[in-house]
Amino acid sequence: MSAAHTHSCKATSCQKQIPLDLLMCMTHWRMVPAPLAREVKRTWQIRDRGEARTLAYQAAVTAAIAAVEAKQNRKIAERKQTELGLFSDLGL
């Protein structure tokens, strides 16, 4: 993919280059809850039909990015808890 036809995934801190017509790389897109993914797709299709629709698309994108970030943060917190649990018997 040439850089002129790509952009970075919109997920926080992801620099993977993806086609312009995609919001996120597949790894991150799969983390978006299904109803929200449908809303992003629906508002993408109608985004050029007025300011209110464009704002709806922007709101859906913002919510999708926030949902992925929240899921990533939960996974990090769970991993830390698991790691702490592994060493709790050792008194560390």
PDB file of N, CA and C in Angstrom:
ATOM      1  N   MET A   1       0.840  -1.181   0.000  1.00  0.00           N
ATOM      2  CA  MET A   1       0.000   0.000   0.000  1.00  0.00           C
ATOM      3  C   MET A   1       0.881   1.239   0.000  1.00  0.00           C
ATOM      4  N   SER A   2       0.611   2.150  -0.899  1.00  0.00           N
ATOM      5  CA  SER A   2       1.386   3.383  -0.910  1.00  0.00           C
ATOM      6  C   SER A   2       0.836   4.319   0.157  1.00  0.00           C
ATOM      7  N   ALA A   3       1.703   5.164   0.684  1.00  0.00           N
ATOM      8  CA  ALA A   3       1.316   6.071   1.760  1.00  0.00           C
ATOM      9  C   ALA A   3       0.208   7.036   1.326  1.00  0.00           C
ATOM     10  N   ALA A   4       0.126   7.345   0.036  1.00  0.00           N
ATOM     11  CA  ALA A   4      -0.894   8.270  -0.449  1.00  0.00           C
ATOM     12  C   ALA A   4      -2.304   7.690  -0.339  1.00  0.00           C
ATOM     13  N   HIS A   5      -2.406   6.388  -0.243  1.00  0.00           N
ATOM     14  CA  HIS A   5      -3.719   5.736  -0.198  1.00  0.00           C
ATOM     15  C   HIS A   5      -4.001   5.099   1.153  1.00  0.00           C
ATOM     16  N   THR A   6      -3.258   5.484   2.170  1.00  0.00           N
ATOM     17  CA  THR A   6      -3.432   4.904   3.497  1.00  0.00           C
ATOM     18  C   THR A   6      -3.419   6.000   4.561  1.00  0.00           C
ATOM     19  N   HIS A   7      -3.811   5.602   5.753  1.00  0.00           N
ATOM     20  CA  HIS A   7      -3.705   6.448   6.938  1.00  0.00           C
ATOM     21  C   HIS A   7      -3.507   5.525   8.131  1.00  0.00           C
ATOM     22  N   SER A   8      -3.161   6.096   9.267  1.00  0.00           N
ATOM     23  CA  SER A   8      -2.975   5.295  10.475  1.00  0.00           C
ATOM     24  C   SER A   8      -4.325   4.889  11.049  1.00  0.00           C
ATOM     25  N   CYS A   9      -4.372   3.695  11.610  1.00  0.00           N
ATOM     26  CA  CYS A   9      -5.536   3.220  12.346  1.00  0.00           C
ATOM     27  C   CYS A   9      -5.907   4.292  13.378  1.00  0.00           C
ATOM     28  N   LYS A  10      -7.190   4.523  13.554  1.00  0.00           N
ATOM     29  CA  LYS A  10      -7.643   5.565  14.484  1.00  0.00           C
ATOM     30  C   LYS A  10      -7.656   5.128  15.949  1.00  0.00           C
ATOM     31  N   ALA A  11      -7.372   3.863  16.217  1.00  0.00           N
ATOM     32  CA  ALA A  11      -7.288   3.427  17.611  1.00  0.00           C
ATOM     33  C   ALA A  11      -6.098   4.121  18.271  1.00  0.00           C
ATOM     34  N   THR A  12      -6.266   4.463  19.524  1.00  0.00           N
ATOM     35  CA  THR A  12      -5.225   5.167  20.265  1.00  0.00           C
ATOM     36  C   THR A  12      -3.901   4.420  20.201  1.00  0.00           C
ATOM     37  N   SER A  13      -2.857   5.116  19.811  1.00  0.00           N
ATOM     38  CA  SER A  13      -1.473   4.612  19.763  1.00  0.00           C
ATOM     39  C   SER A  13      -1.206   3.565  18.690  1.00  0.00           C
ATOM     40  N   CYS A  14      -2.131   3.299  17.789  1.00  0.00           N
ATOM     41  CA  CYS A  14      -1.888   2.334  16.718  1.00  0.00           C
ATOM     42  C   CYS A  14      -1.387   3.088  15.494  1.00  0.00           C
ATOM     43  N   GLN A  15      -0.269   2.663  14.967  1.00  0.00           N
ATOM     44  CA  GLN A  15       0.307   3.318  13.796  1.00  0.00           C
ATOM     45  C   GLN A  15       0.208   2.475  12.536  1.00  0.00           C
ATOM     46  N   LYS A  16      -0.541   1.367  12.609  1.00  0.00           N
ATOM     47  CA  LYS A  16      -0.677   0.499  11.447  1.00  0.00           C
ATOM     48  C   LYS A  16      -1.324   1.278  10.306  1.00  0.00           C
ATOM     49  N   GLN A  17      -0.741   1.172   9.113  1.00  0.00           N
ATOM     50  CA  GLN A  17      -1.278   1.841   7.939  1.00  0.00           C
ATOM     51  C   GLN A  17      -2.380   0.986   7.317  1.00  0.00           C
ATOM     52  N   ILE A  18      -3.519   1.631   7.047  1.00  0.00           N
ATOM     53  CA  ILE A  18      -4.687   0.932   6.510  1.00  0.00           C
ATOM     54  C   ILE A  18      -5.271   1.745   5.360  1.00  0.00           C
ATOM     55  N   PRO A  19      -6.103   1.122   4.512  1.00  0.00           N
ATOM     56  CA  PRO A  19      -6.740   1.868   3.422  1.00  0.00           C
ATOM     57  C   PRO A  19      -7.590   3.024   3.951  1.00  0.00           C
ATOM     58  N   LEU A  20      -7.701   4.068   3.143  1.00  0.00           N
ATOM     59  CA  LEU A  20      -8.442   5.267   3.540  1.00  0.00           C
ATOM     60  C   LEU A  20      -9.903   5.009   3.875  1.00  0.00           C
ATOM     61  N   ASP A  21     -10.500   3.974   3.297  1.00  0.00           N
ATOM     62  CA  ASP A  21     -11.918   3.729   3.546  1.00  0.00           C
ATOM     63  C   ASP A  21     -12.187   2.934   4.817  1.00  0.00           C
ATOM     64  N   LEU A  22     -11.145   2.607   5.571  1.00  0.00           N
ATOM     65  CA  LEU A  22     -11.304   1.902   6.838  1.00  0.00           C
ATOM     66  C   LEU A  22     -11.022   2.854   7.996  1.00  0.00           C
ATOM     67  N   LEU A  23     -11.702   2.650   9.101  1.00  0.00           N
ATOM     68  CA  LEU A  23     -11.493   3.469  10.287  1.00  0.00           C
ATOM     69  C   LEU A  23     -10.331   2.939  11.116  1.00  0.00           C
ATOM     70  N   MET A  24     -10.286   1.608  11.260  1.00  0.00           N
ATOM     71  CA  MET A  24      -9.289   0.965  12.119  1.00  0.00           C
ATOM     72  C   MET A  24      -8.751  -0.285  11.444  1.00  0.00           C
ATOM     73  N   CYS A  25      -7.592  -0.724  11.928  1.00  0.00           N
ATOM     74  CA  CYS A  25      -7.065  -2.007  11.479  1.00  0.00           C
ATOM     75  C   CYS A  25      -8.016  -3.107  11.975  1.00  0.00           C
ATOM     76  N   MET A  26      -7.928  -4.275  11.412  1.00  0.00           N
ATOM     77  CA  MET A  26      -8.861  -5.349  11.779  1.00  0.00           C
ATOM     78  C   MET A  26      -8.752  -5.734  13.253  1.00  0.00           C
ATOM     79  N   THR A  27      -7.556  -5.708  13.800  1.00  0.00           N
ATOM     80  CA  THR A  27      -7.388  -6.040  15.220  1.00  0.00           C
ATOM     81  C   THR A  27      -8.247  -5.130  16.086  1.00  0.00           C
ATOM     82  N   HIS A  28      -8.188  -3.842  15.821  1.00  0.00           N
ATOM     83  CA  HIS A  28      -8.945  -2.898  16.637  1.00  0.00           C
ATOM     84  C   HIS A  28     -10.419  -2.849  16.248  1.00  0.00           C
ATOM     85  N   TRP A  29     -10.736  -2.973  14.970  1.00  0.00           N
ATOM     86  CA  TRP A  29     -12.138  -2.944  14.550  1.00  0.00           C
ATOM     87  C   TRP A  29     -12.922  -4.072  15.206  1.00  0.00           C
ATOM     88  N   ARG A  30     -12.295  -5.223  15.373  1.00  0.00           N
ATOM     89  CA  ARG A  30     -12.979  -6.357  16.013  1.00  0.00           C
ATOM     90  C   ARG A  30     -13.268  -6.108  17.487  1.00  0.00           C
ATOM     91  N   MET A  31     -12.637  -5.108  18.063  1.00  0.00           N
ATOM     92  CA  MET A  31     -12.872  -4.762  19.460  1.00  0.00           C
ATOM     93  C   MET A  31     -14.063  -3.819  19.634  1.00  0.00           C
ATOM     94  N   VAL A  32     -14.532  -3.237  18.540  1.00  0.00           N
ATOM     95  CA  VAL A  32     -15.674  -2.325  18.605  1.00  0.00           C
ATOM     96  C   VAL A  32     -16.940  -3.158  18.806  1.00  0.00           C
ATOM     97  N   PRO A  33     -17.753  -2.839  19.809  1.00  0.00           N
ATOM     98  CA  PRO A  33     -19.005  -3.581  20.009  1.00  0.00           C
ATOM     99  C   PRO A  33     -19.859  -3.549  18.734  1.00  0.00           C
ATOM    100  N   ALA A  34     -20.502  -4.659  18.427  1.00  0.00           N
ATOM    101  CA  ALA A  34     -21.253  -4.799  17.174  1.00  0.00           C
ATOM    102  C   ALA A  34     -22.272  -3.684  16.930  1.00  0.00           C
ATOM    103  N   PRO A  35     -23.084  -3.297  17.911  1.00  0.00           N
ATOM    104  CA  PRO A  35     -24.047  -2.220  17.643  1.00  0.00           C
ATOM    105  C   PRO A  35     -23.357  -0.906  17.263  1.00  0.00           C
ATOM    106  N   LEU A  36     -22.240  -0.637  17.895  1.00  0.00           N
ATOM    107  CA  LEU A  36     -21.501   0.587  17.597  1.00  0.00           C
ATOM    108  C   LEU A  36     -20.839   0.497  16.223  1.00  0.00           C
ATOM    109  N   ALA A  37     -20.327  -0.670  15.866  1.00  0.00           N
ATOM    110  CA  ALA A  37     -19.743  -0.862  14.535  1.00  0.00           C
ATOM    111  C   ALA A  37     -20.807  -0.634  13.462  1.00  0.00           C
ATOM    112  N   ARG A  38     -22.019  -1.127  13.711  1.00  0.00           N
ATOM    113  CA  ARG A  38     -23.113  -0.905  12.755  1.00  0.00           C
ATOM    114  C   ARG A  38     -23.445   0.580  12.639  1.00  0.00           C
ATOM    115  N   GLU A  39     -23.397   1.291  13.757  1.00  0.00           N
ATOM    116  CA  GLU A  39     -23.685   2.731  13.739  1.00  0.00           C
ATOM    117  C   GLU A  39     -22.610   3.496  12.962  1.00  0.00           C
ATOM    118  N   VAL A  40     -21.356   3.117  13.121  1.00  0.00           N
ATOM    119  CA  VAL A  40     -20.280   3.751  12.354  1.00  0.00           C
ATOM    120  C   VAL A  40     -20.521   3.524  10.861  1.00  0.00           C
ATOM    121  N   LYS A  41     -20.815   2.296  10.493  1.00  0.00           N
ATOM    122  CA  LYS A  41     -21.056   1.987   9.079  1.00  0.00           C
ATOM    123  C   LYS A  41     -22.270   2.744   8.538  1.00  0.00           C
ATOM    124  N   ARG A  42     -23.359   2.767   9.325  1.00  0.00           N
ATOM    125  CA  ARG A  42     -24.583   3.440   8.882  1.00  0.00           C
ATOM    126  C   ARG A  42     -24.337   4.931   8.684  1.00  0.00           C
ATOM    127  N   THR A  43     -23.675   5.565   9.638  1.00  0.00           N
ATOM    128  CA  THR A  43     -23.453   7.007   9.539  1.00  0.00           C
ATOM    129  C   THR A  43     -22.390   7.334   8.488  1.00  0.00           C
ATOM    130  N   TRP A  44     -21.475   6.415   8.216  1.00  0.00           N
ATOM    131  CA  TRP A  44     -20.485   6.615   7.143  1.00  0.00           C
ATOM    132  C   TRP A  44     -21.216   6.713   5.805  1.00  0.00           C
ATOM    133  N   GLN A  45     -22.198   5.878   5.613  1.00  0.00           N
ATOM    134  CA  GLN A  45     -22.930   5.850   4.342  1.00  0.00           C
ATOM    135  C   GLN A  45     -23.757   7.112   4.112  1.00  0.00           C
ATOM    136  N   ILE A  46     -24.153   7.808   5.173  1.00  0.00           N
ATOM    137  CA  ILE A  46     -24.998   8.995   5.021  1.00  0.00           C
ATOM    138  C   ILE A  46     -24.279  10.285   5.398  1.00  0.00           C
ATOM    139  N   ARG A  47     -22.977  10.222   5.629  1.00  0.00           N
ATOM    140  CA  ARG A  47     -22.248  11.368   6.170  1.00  0.00           C
ATOM    141  C   ARG A  47     -22.268  12.607   5.284  1.00  0.00           C
ATOM    142  N   ASP A  48     -22.441  12.452   3.990  1.00  0.00           N
ATOM    143  CA  ASP A  48     -22.409  13.601   3.082  1.00  0.00           C
ATOM    144  C   ASP A  48     -23.787  14.208   2.847  1.00  0.00           C
ATOM    145  N   ARG A  49     -24.743  13.850   3.659  1.00  0.00           N
ATOM    146  CA  ARG A  49     -26.114  14.335   3.459  1.00  0.00           C
ATOM    147  C   ARG A  49     -26.520  15.387   4.482  1.00  0.00           C
ATOM    148  N   GLY A  50     -25.589  16.200   4.884  1.00  0.00           N
ATOM    149  CA  GLY A  50     -25.921  17.291   5.794  1.00  0.00           C
ATOM    150  C   GLY A  50     -25.075  17.282   7.049  1.00  0.00           C
ATOM    151  N   GLU A  51     -25.027  18.424   7.683  1.00  0.00           N
ATOM    152  CA  GLU A  51     -24.185  18.612   8.857  1.00  0.00           C
ATOM    153  C   GLU A  51     -24.579  17.706  10.016  1.00  0.00           C
ATOM    154  N   ALA A  52     -25.868  17.550  10.261  1.00  0.00           N
ATOM    155  CA  ALA A  52     -26.314  16.700  11.374  1.00  0.00           C
ATOM    156  C   ALA A  52     -25.856  15.262  11.174  1.00  0.00           C
ATOM    157  N   ARG A  53     -25.901  14.788   9.960  1.00  0.00           N
ATOM    158  CA  ARG A  53     -25.475  13.417   9.669  1.00  0.00           C
ATOM    159  C   ARG A  53     -23.963  13.289   9.814  1.00  0.00           C
ATOM    160  N   THR A  54     -23.237  14.324   9.390  1.00  0.00           N
ATOM    161  CA  THR A  54     -21.781  14.317   9.557  1.00  0.00           C
ATOM    162  C   THR A  54     -21.433  14.295  11.042  1.00  0.00           C
ATOM    163  N   LEU A  55     -22.159  15.067  11.835  1.00  0.00           N
ATOM    164  CA  LEU A  55     -21.938  15.070  13.285  1.00  0.00           C
ATOM    165  C   LEU A  55     -22.268  13.710  13.883  1.00  0.00           C
ATOM    166  N   ALA A  56     -23.275  13.035  13.375  1.00  0.00           N
ATOM    167  CA  ALA A  56     -23.619  11.692  13.854  1.00  0.00           C
ATOM    168  C   ALA A  56     -22.479  10.725  13.556  1.00  0.00           C
ATOM    169  N   TYR A  57     -21.882  10.842  12.375  1.00  0.00           N
ATOM    170  CA  TYR A  57     -20.742   9.992  12.022  1.00  0.00           C
ATOM    171  C   TYR A  57     -19.570  10.271  12.959  1.00  0.00           C
ATOM    172  N   GLN A  58     -19.272  11.547  13.166  1.00  0.00           N
ATOM    173  CA  GLN A  58     -18.163  11.903  14.055  1.00  0.00           C
ATOM    174  C   GLN A  58     -18.393  11.390  15.470  1.00  0.00           C
ATOM    175  N   ALA A  59     -19.616  11.447  15.940  1.00  0.00           N
ATOM    176  CA  ALA A  59     -19.945  10.941  17.281  1.00  0.00           C
ATOM    177  C   ALA A  59     -19.770   9.423  17.332  1.00  0.00           C
ATOM    178  N   ALA A  60     -20.190   8.732  16.289  1.00  0.00           N
ATOM    179  CA  ALA A  60     -20.042   7.270  16.249  1.00  0.00           C
ATOM    180  C   ALA A  60     -18.566   6.881  16.229  1.00  0.00           C
ATOM    181  N   VAL A  61     -17.764   7.597  15.463  1.00  0.00           N
ATOM    182  CA  VAL A  61     -16.319   7.325  15.391  1.00  0.00           C
ATOM    183  C   VAL A  61     -15.678   7.560  16.762  1.00  0.00           C
ATOM    184  N   THR A  62     -16.012   8.671  17.379  1.00  0.00           N
ATOM    185  CA  THR A  62     -15.464   8.991  18.703  1.00  0.00           C
ATOM    186  C   THR A  62     -15.834   7.898  19.711  1.00  0.00           C
ATOM    187  N   ALA A  63     -17.068   7.439  19.665  1.00  0.00           N
ATOM    188  CA  ALA A  63     -17.516   6.383  20.576  1.00  0.00           C
ATOM    189  C   ALA A  63     -16.787   5.069  20.291  1.00  0.00           C
ATOM    190  N   ALA A  64     -16.560   4.757  19.028  1.00  0.00           N
ATOM    191  CA  ALA A  64     -15.853   3.522  18.666  1.00  0.00           C
ATOM    192  C   ALA A  64     -14.411   3.560  19.174  1.00  0.00           C
ATOM    193  N   ILE A  65     -13.752   4.688  18.987  1.00  0.00           N
ATOM    194  CA  ILE A  65     -12.369   4.835  19.461  1.00  0.00           C
ATOM    195  C   ILE A  65     -12.325   4.704  20.982  1.00  0.00           C
ATOM    196  N   ALA A  66     -13.271   5.337  21.665  1.00  0.00           N
ATOM    197  CA  ALA A  66     -13.331   5.260  23.133  1.00  0.00           C
ATOM    198  C   ALA A  66     -13.611   3.838  23.597  1.00  0.00           C
ATOM    199  N   ALA A  67     -14.466   3.107  22.886  1.00  0.00           N
ATOM    200  CA  ALA A  67     -14.791   1.724  23.264  1.00  0.00           C
ATOM    201  C   ALA A  67     -13.563   0.829  23.148  1.00  0.00           C
ATOM    202  N   VAL A  68     -12.796   1.011  22.084  1.00  0.00           N
ATOM    203  CA  VAL A  68     -11.575   0.214  21.914  1.00  0.00           C
ATOM    204  C   VAL A  68     -10.572   0.555  23.009  1.00  0.00           C
ATOM    205  N   GLU A  69     -10.405   1.824  23.290  1.00  0.00           N
ATOM    206  CA  GLU A  69      -9.471   2.231  24.334  1.00  0.00           C
ATOM    207  C   GLU A  69      -9.884   1.676  25.694  1.00  0.00           C
ATOM    208  N   ALA A  70     -11.180   1.721  25.996  1.00  0.00           N
ATOM    209  CA  ALA A  70     -11.669   1.185  27.269  1.00  0.00           C
ATOM    210  C   ALA A  70     -11.414  -0.316  27.360  1.00  0.00           C
ATOM    211  N   LYS A  71     -11.646  -1.027  26.262  1.00  0.00           N
ATOM    212  CA  LYS A  71     -11.415  -2.468  26.255  1.00  0.00           C
ATOM    213  C   LYS A  71      -9.929  -2.776  26.445  1.00  0.00           C
ATOM    214  N   GLN A  72      -9.071  -2.003  25.787  1.00  0.00           N
ATOM    215  CA  GLN A  72      -7.631  -2.204  25.950  1.00  0.00           C
ATOM    216  C   GLN A  72      -7.205  -1.930  27.391  1.00  0.00           C
ATOM    217  N   ASN A  73      -7.748  -0.872  27.980  1.00  0.00           N
ATOM    218  CA  ASN A  73      -7.400  -0.544  29.368  1.00  0.00           C
ATOM    219  C   ASN A  73      -7.865  -1.632  30.336  1.00  0.00           C
ATOM    220  N   ARG A  74      -9.065  -2.200  30.085  1.00  0.00           N
ATOM    221  CA  ARG A  74      -9.542  -3.302  30.927  1.00  0.00           C
ATOM    222  C   ARG A  74      -8.609  -4.506  30.820  1.00  0.00           C
ATOM    223  N   LYS A  75      -8.174  -4.820  29.610  1.00  0.00           N
ATOM    224  CA  LYS A  75      -7.271  -5.955  29.416  1.00  0.00           C
ATOM    225  C   LYS A  75      -5.954  -5.731  30.142  1.00  0.00           C
ATOM    226  N   ILE A  76      -5.435  -4.518  30.089  1.00  0.00           N
ATOM    227  CA  ILE A  76      -4.188  -4.201  30.789  1.00  0.00           C
ATOM    228  C   ILE A  76      -4.376  -4.355  32.294  1.00  0.00           C
ATOM    229  N   ALA A  77      -5.492  -3.839  32.816  1.00  0.00           N
ATOM    230  CA  ALA A  77      -5.766  -3.938  34.258  1.00  0.00           C
ATOM    231  C   ALA A  77      -5.917  -5.396  34.687  1.00  0.00           C
ATOM    232  N   GLU A  78      -6.628  -6.181  33.869  1.00  0.00           N
ATOM    233  CA  GLU A  78      -6.797  -7.606  34.187  1.00  0.00           C
ATOM    234  C   GLU A  78      -5.463  -8.333  34.179  1.00  0.00           C
ATOM    235  N   ARG A  79      -4.617  -8.006  33.215  1.00  0.00           N
ATOM    236  CA  ARG A  79      -3.296  -8.640  33.128  1.00  0.00           C
ATOM    237  C   ARG A  79      -2.463  -8.301  34.362  1.00  0.00           C
ATOM    238  N   LYS A  80      -2.531  -7.040  34.793  1.00  0.00           N
ATOM    239  CA  LYS A  80      -1.781  -6.632  35.983  1.00  0.00           C
ATOM    240  C   LYS A  80      -2.283  -7.375  37.214  1.00  0.00           C
ATOM    241  N   GLN A  81      -3.609  -7.514  37.338  1.00  0.00           N
ATOM    242  CA  GLN A  81      -4.174  -8.238  38.472  1.00  0.00           C
ATOM    243  C   GLN A  81      -3.733  -9.697  38.467  1.00  0.00           C
ATOM    244  N   THR A  82      -3.724 -10.306  37.291  1.00  0.00           N
ATOM    245  CA  THR A  82      -3.291 -11.696  37.173  1.00  0.00           C
ATOM    246  C   THR A  82      -1.832 -11.831  37.576  1.00  0.00           C
ATOM    247  N   GLU A  83      -1.008 -10.911  37.093  1.00  0.00           N
ATOM    248  CA  GLU A  83       0.412 -10.963  37.432  1.00  0.00           C
ATOM    249  C   GLU A  83       0.629 -10.759  38.922  1.00  0.00           C
ATOM    250  N   LEU A  84      -0.127  -9.857  39.527  1.00  0.00           N
ATOM    251  CA  LEU A  84      -0.008  -9.629  40.971  1.00  0.00           C
ATOM    252  C   LEU A  84      -0.444 -10.870  41.722  1.00  0.00           C
ATOM    253  N   GLY A  85      -1.486 -11.524  41.250  1.00  0.00           N
ATOM    254  CA  GLY A  85      -1.973 -12.733  41.892  1.00  0.00           C
ATOM    255  C   GLY A  85      -0.960 -13.856  41.838  1.00  0.00           C
ATOM    256  N   LEU A  86      -0.207 -13.934  40.752  1.00  0.00           N
ATOM    257  CA  LEU A  86       0.811 -14.984  40.625  1.00  0.00           C
ATOM    258  C   LEU A  86       1.899 -14.851  41.667  1.00  0.00           C
ATOM    259  N   PHE A  87       2.192 -13.612  42.061  1.00  0.00           N
ATOM    260  CA  PHE A  87       3.307 -13.400  42.983  1.00  0.00           C
ATOM    261  C   PHE A  87       2.864 -13.108  44.402  1.00  0.00           C
ATOM    262  N   SER A  88       1.567 -13.074  44.654  1.00  0.00           N
ATOM    263  CA  SER A  88       1.102 -12.729  45.995  1.00  0.00           C
ATOM    264  C   SER A  88       1.496 -13.769  47.041  1.00  0.00           C
ATOM    265  N   ASP A  89       1.571 -15.026  46.652  1.00  0.00           N
ATOM    266  CA  ASP A  89       1.966 -16.081  47.596  1.00  0.00           C
ATOM    267  C   ASP A  89       3.431 -15.993  47.971  1.00  0.00           C
ATOM    268  N   LEU A  90       4.199 -15.277  47.164  1.00  0.00           N
ATOM    269  CA  LEU A  90       5.627 -15.172  47.429  1.00  0.00           C
ATOM    270  C   LEU A  90       5.957 -14.001  48.350  1.00  0.00           C
ATOM    271  N   GLY A  91       4.942 -13.202  48.665  1.00  0.00           N
ATOM    272  CA  GLY A  91       5.165 -12.055  49.553  1.00  0.00           C
ATOM    273  C   GLY A  91       5.909 -10.931  48.866  1.00  0.00           C
ATOM    274  N   LEU A  92       5.823 -10.861  47.518  1.00  0.00           N
ATOM    275  CA  LEU A  92       6.520  -9.798  46.778  1.00  0.00           C
ATOM    276  C   LEU A  92       5.641  -8.598  46.576  1.00  0.00           C
TER     277      LEU A  92
END
